[in-house]
C-alpha atoms as a PDB file:
ATOM      1  CA  UNK A   1       8.798 -11.157  24.231  1.00  0.00           C
ATOM      2  CA  UNK A   2       6.320  -9.020  22.349  1.00  0.00           C
ATOM      3  CA  UNK A   3       2.810  -8.287  23.544  1.00  0.00           C
ATOM      4  CA  UNK A   4       0.056  -7.338  21.107  1.00  0.00           C
ATOM      5  CA  UNK A   5      -3.249  -5.709  21.970  1.00  0.00           C
ATOM      6  CA  UNK A   6      -5.944  -5.407  19.337  1.00  0.00           C
ATOM      7  CA  UNK A   7      -8.956  -3.146  19.211  1.00  0.00           C
ATOM      8  CA  UNK A   8     -11.647  -2.063  16.789  1.00  0.00           C
ATOM      9  CA  UNK A   9     -13.695  -5.160  16.100  1.00  0.00           C
ATOM     10  CA  UNK A  10     -17.448  -5.288  15.975  1.00  0.00           C
ATOM     11  CA  UNK A  11     -20.553  -5.627  13.869  1.00  0.00           C
ATOM     12  CA  UNK A  12     -20.895  -3.959  10.474  1.00  0.00           C
ATOM     13  CA  UNK A  13     -23.287  -4.193   7.564  1.00  0.00           C
ATOM     14  CA  UNK A  14     -22.124  -5.388   4.166  1.00  0.00           C
ATOM     15  CA  UNK A  15     -20.498  -2.528   2.311  1.00  0.00           C
ATOM     16  CA  UNK A  16     -19.436  -0.847   5.512  1.00  0.00           C
ATOM     17  CA  UNK A  17     -16.033  -0.128   6.995  1.00  0.00           C
ATOM     18  CA  UNK A  18     -14.095  -0.843  10.158  1.00  0.00           C
ATOM     19  CA  UNK A  19     -10.556  -0.196  11.292  1.00  0.00           C
ATOM     20  CA  UNK A  20      -8.556  -2.504  13.494  1.00  0.00           C
ATOM     21  CA  UNK A  21      -5.582  -1.428  15.584  1.00  0.00           C
ATOM     22  CA  UNK A  22      -2.786  -3.520  17.049  1.00  0.00           C
ATOM     23  CA  UNK A  23      -0.418  -1.967  19.568  1.00  0.00           C
ATOM     24  CA  UNK A  24       2.876  -3.724  20.248  1.00  0.00           C
ATOM     25  CA  UNK A  25       4.921  -3.529  23.432  1.00  0.00           C
ATOM     26  CA  UNK A  26       7.905  -5.315  24.888  1.00  0.00           C
ATOM     27  CA  UNK A  27      10.866  -6.215  22.685  1.00  0.00           C
ATOM     28  CA  UNK A  28       9.487  -4.328  19.710  1.00  0.00           C
ATOM     29  CA  UNK A  29      12.960  -3.560  18.387  1.00  0.00           C
ATOM     30  CA  UNK A  30      13.315  -7.240  17.494  1.00  0.00           C
ATOM     31  CA  UNK A  31      10.200  -7.436  15.299  1.00  0.00           C
ATOM     32  CA  UNK A  32      10.808  -8.333  11.642  1.00  0.00           C
ATOM     33  CA  UNK A  33       7.284  -8.658  10.335  1.00  0.00           C
ATOM     34  CA  UNK A  34       3.769  -7.803  11.469  1.00  0.00           C
ATOM     35  CA  UNK A  35       0.438  -8.569   9.983  1.00  0.00           C
ATOM     36  CA  UNK A  36      -3.199  -9.453  10.304  1.00  0.00           C
ATOM     37  CA  UNK A  37      -4.665 -12.930  10.101  1.00  0.00           C
ATOM     38  CA  UNK A  38      -8.219 -14.151  10.381  1.00  0.00           C
ATOM     39  CA  UNK A  39      -9.968 -17.369  11.205  1.00  0.00           C
ATOM     40  CA  UNK A  40     -13.581 -18.128  10.367  1.00  0.00           C
ATOM     41  CA  UNK A  41     -15.416 -21.052  12.002  1.00  0.00           C
ATOM     42  CA  UNK A  42     -14.295 -24.321  10.463  1.00  0.00           C
ATOM     43  CA  UNK A  43     -11.477 -22.672   8.535  1.00  0.00           C
ATOM     44  CA  UNK A  44      -7.744 -22.442   9.021  1.00  0.00           C
ATOM     45  CA  UNK A  45      -6.187 -19.188  10.099  1.00  0.00           C
ATOM     46  CA  UNK A  46      -5.123 -17.235   7.027  1.00  0.00           C
ATOM     47  CA  UNK A  47      -2.998 -14.184   6.320  1.00  0.00           C
ATOM     48  CA  UNK A  48      -5.079 -11.141   5.445  1.00  0.00           C
ATOM     49  CA  UNK A  49      -2.412  -8.468   5.120  1.00  0.00           C
ATOM     50  CA  UNK A  50       1.116  -7.982   6.331  1.00  0.00           C
ATOM     51  CA  UNK A  51       4.367  -6.086   6.251  1.00  0.00           C
ATOM     52  CA  UNK A  52       7.402  -7.998   5.090  1.00  0.00           C
ATOM     53  CA  UNK A  53      10.816  -7.623   6.671  1.00  0.00           C
ATOM     54  CA  UNK A  54      11.705  -5.290   3.803  1.00  0.00           C
ATOM     55  CA  UNK A  55       8.779  -3.033   4.582  1.00  0.00           C
ATOM     56  CA  UNK A  56       6.579  -3.921   1.633  1.00  0.00           C
ATOM     57  CA  UNK A  57       3.002  -5.080   2.015  1.00  0.00           C
ATOM     58  CA  UNK A  58       1.158  -8.158   0.870  1.00  0.00           C
ATOM     59  CA  UNK A  59      -2.520  -8.994   0.825  1.00  0.00           C
ATOM     60  CA  UNK A  60      -4.732 -12.003   0.423  1.00  0.00           C
ATOM     61  CA  UNK A  61      -6.376 -11.986  -2.996  1.00  0.00           C
ATOM     62  CA  UNK A  62      -9.786 -11.888  -1.345  1.00  0.00           C
ATOM     63  CA  UNK A  63      -9.145  -8.483   0.259  1.00  0.00           C
ATOM     64  CA  UNK A  64      -7.018  -6.707  -2.359  1.00  0.00           C
ATOM     65  CA  UNK A  65      -8.477  -3.342  -3.203  1.00  0.00           C
ATOM     66  CA  UNK A  66     -10.703  -3.344  -0.116  1.00  0.00           C
ATOM     67  CA  UNK A  67      -8.348  -3.637   2.880  1.00  0.00           C
ATOM     68  CA  UNK A  68      -5.307  -1.515   3.619  1.00  0.00           C
ATOM     69  CA  UNK A  69      -2.623  -2.212   6.178  1.00  0.00           C
ATOM     70  CA  UNK A  70      -0.693   0.715   7.616  1.00  0.00           C
ATOM     71  CA  UNK A  71       1.498   1.506  10.584  1.00  0.00           C
ATOM     72  CA  UNK A  72       2.490   4.283  12.923  1.00  0.00           C
ATOM     73  CA  UNK A  73       6.031   3.573  14.076  1.00  0.00           C
ATOM     74  CA  UNK A  74       5.880   6.295  16.713  1.00  0.00           C
ATOM     75  CA  UNK A  75       2.967   4.481  18.361  1.00  0.00           C
ATOM     76  CA  UNK A  76       4.258   0.951  17.659  1.00  0.00           C
ATOM     77  CA  UNK A  77       0.880   0.265  16.121  1.00  0.00           C
ATOM     78  CA  UNK A  78      -0.384  -1.278  12.912  1.00  0.00           C
ATOM     79  CA  UNK A  79      -3.826  -0.809  11.470  1.00  0.00           C
ATOM     80  CA  UNK A  80      -6.137  -2.622   9.123  1.00  0.00           C
ATOM     81  CA  UNK A  81      -8.625  -0.445   7.314  1.00  0.00           C
ATOM     82  CA  UNK A  82     -11.420  -2.633   5.973  1.00  0.00           C
ATOM     83  CA  UNK A  83     -13.743  -1.141   3.375  1.00  0.00           C
ATOM     84  CA  UNK A  84     -16.528  -2.610   1.251  1.00  0.00           C
ATOM     85  CA  UNK A  85     -16.861  -5.437   3.696  1.00  0.00           C
ATOM     86  CA  UNK A  86     -18.560  -8.664   2.747  1.00  0.00           C
ATOM     87  CA  UNK A  87     -20.262 -11.327   4.871  1.00  0.00           C
ATOM     88  CA  UNK A  88     -17.378 -13.656   4.033  1.00  0.00           C
ATOM     89  CA  UNK A  89     -15.052 -11.295   5.906  1.00  0.00           C
ATOM     90  CA  UNK A  90     -16.718 -12.472   9.120  1.00  0.00           C
ATOM     91  CA  UNK A  91     -14.018 -14.000  11.309  1.00  0.00           C
ATOM     92  CA  UNK A  92     -11.858 -13.499  14.352  1.00  0.00           C
ATOM     93  CA  UNK A  93      -8.991 -11.238  13.342  1.00  0.00           C
ATOM     94  CA  UNK A  94      -5.585 -11.651  14.926  1.00  0.00           C
ATOM     95  CA  UNK A  95      -2.528  -9.467  14.903  1.00  0.00           C
ATOM     96  CA  UNK A  96       0.828 -11.229  14.682  1.00  0.00           C
ATOM     97  CA  UNK A  97       4.427 -10.140  15.100  1.00  0.00           C
ATOM     98  CA  UNK A  98       7.459 -12.272  14.276  1.00  0.00           C
ATOM     99  CA  UNK A  99      11.145 -11.946  14.964  1.00  0.00           C
ATOM    100  CA  UNK A 100      14.247 -13.935  14.217  1.00  0.00           C
ATOM    101  CA  UNK A 101      16.324 -15.883  16.697  1.00  0.00           C
ATOM    102  CA  UNK A 102      19.425 -17.916  15.830  1.00  0.00           C
ATOM    103  CA  UNK A 103      18.256 -20.695  13.565  1.00  0.00           C
ATOM    104  CA  UNK A 104      14.555 -20.014  13.869  1.00  0.00           C
ATOM    105  CA  UNK A 105      11.724 -17.532  14.109  1.00  0.00           C
ATOM    106  CA  UNK A 106       9.392 -16.751  16.963  1.00  0.00           C
ATOM    107  CA  UNK A 107       6.103 -14.941  17.046  1.00  0.00           C
ATOM    108  CA  UNK A 108       3.310 -13.577  19.181  1.00  0.00           C
ATOM    109  CA  UNK A 109      -0.424 -13.411  18.582  1.00  0.00           C
ATOM    110  CA  UNK A 110      -2.864 -10.838  19.772  1.00  0.00           C
ATOM    111  CA  UNK A 111      -5.950 -11.921  21.658  1.00  0.00           C
ATOM    112  CA  UNK A 112      -8.170 -11.739  18.583  1.00  0.00           C
ATOM    113  CA  UNK A 113     -11.123  -9.510  17.816  1.00  0.00           C
ATOM    114  CA  UNK A 114     -14.418 -10.583  16.264  1.00  0.00           C
ATOM    115  CA  UNK A 115     -15.615  -8.992  13.043  1.00  0.00           C
ATOM    116  CA  UNK A 116     -19.153  -9.825  11.958  1.00  0.00           C
ATOM    117  CA  UNK A 117     -20.444  -8.576   8.623  1.00  0.00           C
ATOM    118  CA  UNK A 118     -24.196  -8.829   8.131  1.00  0.00           C
ATOM    119  CA  UNK A 119     -25.875  -8.965   4.749  1.00  0.00           C
END
């Protein structure tokens, strides 16, 4: 299995910046994709930014140009740099890793970290 530990959440004013980190451990060699999701109260969990199995990145339209996902393979860590934050970015942010098994895919979630953006 893969374990994910997130850090970096908190309170920020609109227009400010935060960076999230997600450190992976365990069977990290099996990971195909990693990314960040978020869930606001009353909403479904949604993809914010992620790495595909081919190594490219994708972003939700709502964060393009403001958020950047990056990784440090030596540290088995991915990051989410969030700039120009808006109150609508307020949510619990989760890191996710997925890997393939015969006939299916499995995944792990981090514990989640709260981001609150005040206006």
